[in-house]
Amino acid sequence: MFINLNQAKEEVILTKFERAYLTETKINLLINPREKDHIQLTKLIRSAIEEIFKEKAEKDSKRLIEIRDSIISLSQDILKREWERVKTGK
C-alpha cells in the first residue's frame, strides 16, 4: 500500500483548518458583538487564520507575528476589563 504524500498533507491541513475554524467559532460565541474591541479581536483572529492558510509563496511571517501580538494584547485588555467588572459585580 502506497501513501499519497500530497493527500496526506492535504488531510493534515484540513484538520488544522477545521480546528482553527472551531476555535474561532467558539470565541465568536463567547464575545460581546456590541463592543468595539471584541469586534476588533474577531477580525484579528480571522486575519491570522487567513494568513496561516495562505499559499506558502504568499505567506508573510512578519505580518502573522504582528497579528498574533495584537491578538494577545487586545485579549489581555479585554480579559482584565471583564475580570474587573466581575470583581466589582457590575
Protein backbone atom coordinates (compact mmCIF):
# COMPACT_ATOMS: atom_id res chain seq x y z
CA MET A 1 0.00 0.00 0.00
CA PHE A 2 1.38 3.38 -1.03
CA ILE A 3 0.62 6.61 0.74
CA ASN A 4 -0.05 9.66 -1.39
CA LEU A 5 2.03 12.34 0.36
CA ASN A 6 0.08 15.20 -1.22
CA GLN A 7 -3.17 13.71 0.00
CA ALA A 8 -1.70 13.17 3.49
CA LYS A 9 -0.54 16.80 3.61
CA GLU A 10 -3.96 17.99 2.49
CA GLU A 11 -5.63 15.94 5.22
CA VAL A 12 -3.31 17.44 7.86
CA ILE A 13 -4.01 20.95 6.57
CA LEU A 14 -7.74 20.30 6.54
CA THR A 15 -7.64 19.00 10.12
CA LYS A 16 -5.72 22.08 11.25
CA PHE A 17 -8.10 24.38 9.40
CA GLU A 18 -11.11 22.70 11.00
CA ARG A 19 -9.55 23.12 14.44
CA ALA A 20 -8.78 26.81 13.78
CA TYR A 21 -12.31 27.37 12.49
CA LEU A 22 -13.84 25.65 15.52
CA THR A 23 -11.72 27.75 17.89
CA GLU A 24 -12.68 30.93 16.04
CA THR A 25 -16.35 29.97 16.24
CA LYS A 26 -16.14 29.31 19.99
CA ILE A 27 -14.55 32.70 20.58
CA ASN A 28 -17.22 34.39 18.46
CA LEU A 29 -19.89 32.76 20.61
CA LEU A 30 -18.27 33.98 23.83
CA ILE A 31 -17.62 37.61 22.95
CA ASN A 32 -19.97 40.57 23.07
CA PRO A 33 -20.60 41.56 19.45
CA ARG A 34 -21.62 45.07 20.54
CA GLU A 35 -18.23 46.01 21.98
CA LYS A 36 -15.70 47.53 19.58
CA ASP A 37 -12.66 45.75 20.97
CA HIS A 38 -14.47 42.40 20.83
CA ILE A 39 -15.27 43.02 17.16
CA GLN A 40 -11.65 44.01 16.58
CA LEU A 41 -10.49 40.78 18.24
CA THR A 42 -12.65 38.63 15.96
CA LYS A 43 -11.29 40.47 12.91
CA LEU A 44 -7.72 39.90 14.07
CA ILE A 45 -8.39 36.20 14.59
CA ARG A 46 -9.90 35.93 11.10
CA SER A 47 -6.84 37.73 9.66
CA ALA A 48 -4.50 35.34 11.45
CA ILE A 49 -6.32 32.29 10.13
CA GLU A 50 -6.30 33.68 6.61
CA GLU A 51 -2.56 34.42 6.87
CA ILE A 52 -1.75 30.97 8.23
CA PHE A 53 -3.59 29.16 5.46
CA LYS A 54 -2.27 31.24 2.56
CA GLU A 55 -0.20 29.54 -0.07
CA LYS A 56 3.41 29.27 1.03
CA ALA A 57 4.63 31.84 -1.51
CA GLU A 58 2.09 34.40 -0.26
CA LYS A 59 2.67 33.99 3.48
CA ASP A 60 4.08 36.91 5.41
CA SER A 61 5.51 35.64 8.69
CA LYS A 62 6.26 39.17 9.92
CA ARG A 63 2.60 40.12 9.39
CA LEU A 64 1.47 36.97 11.19
CA ILE A 65 3.66 37.81 14.19
CA GLU A 66 2.19 41.34 14.26
CA ILE A 67 -1.34 39.92 14.17
CA ARG A 68 -0.51 37.39 16.91
CA ASP A 69 0.93 40.13 19.14
CA SER A 70 -2.16 42.29 18.57
CA ILE A 71 -4.46 39.37 19.44
CA ILE A 72 -2.57 38.74 22.67
CA SER A 73 -2.50 42.40 23.70
CA LEU A 74 -6.17 43.01 22.92
CA SER A 75 -7.22 39.76 24.61
CA GLN A 76 -5.34 40.74 27.75
CA ASP A 77 -7.06 44.13 27.80
CA ILE A 78 -10.50 42.56 27.35
CA LEU A 79 -9.90 39.87 29.98
CA LYS A 80 -8.58 42.41 32.51
CA ARG A 81 -11.59 44.68 31.97
CA GLU A 82 -14.03 41.76 32.26
CA TRP A 83 -12.27 40.48 35.39
CA GLU A 84 -12.55 43.92 37.00
CA ARG A 85 -16.23 44.00 36.06
CA VAL A 86 -16.79 40.60 37.69
CA LYS A 87 -14.89 41.59 40.83
CA THR A 88 -17.00 44.72 41.32
CA GLY A 89 -20.23 42.87 40.50
CA LYS A 90 -21.24 45.21 37.67
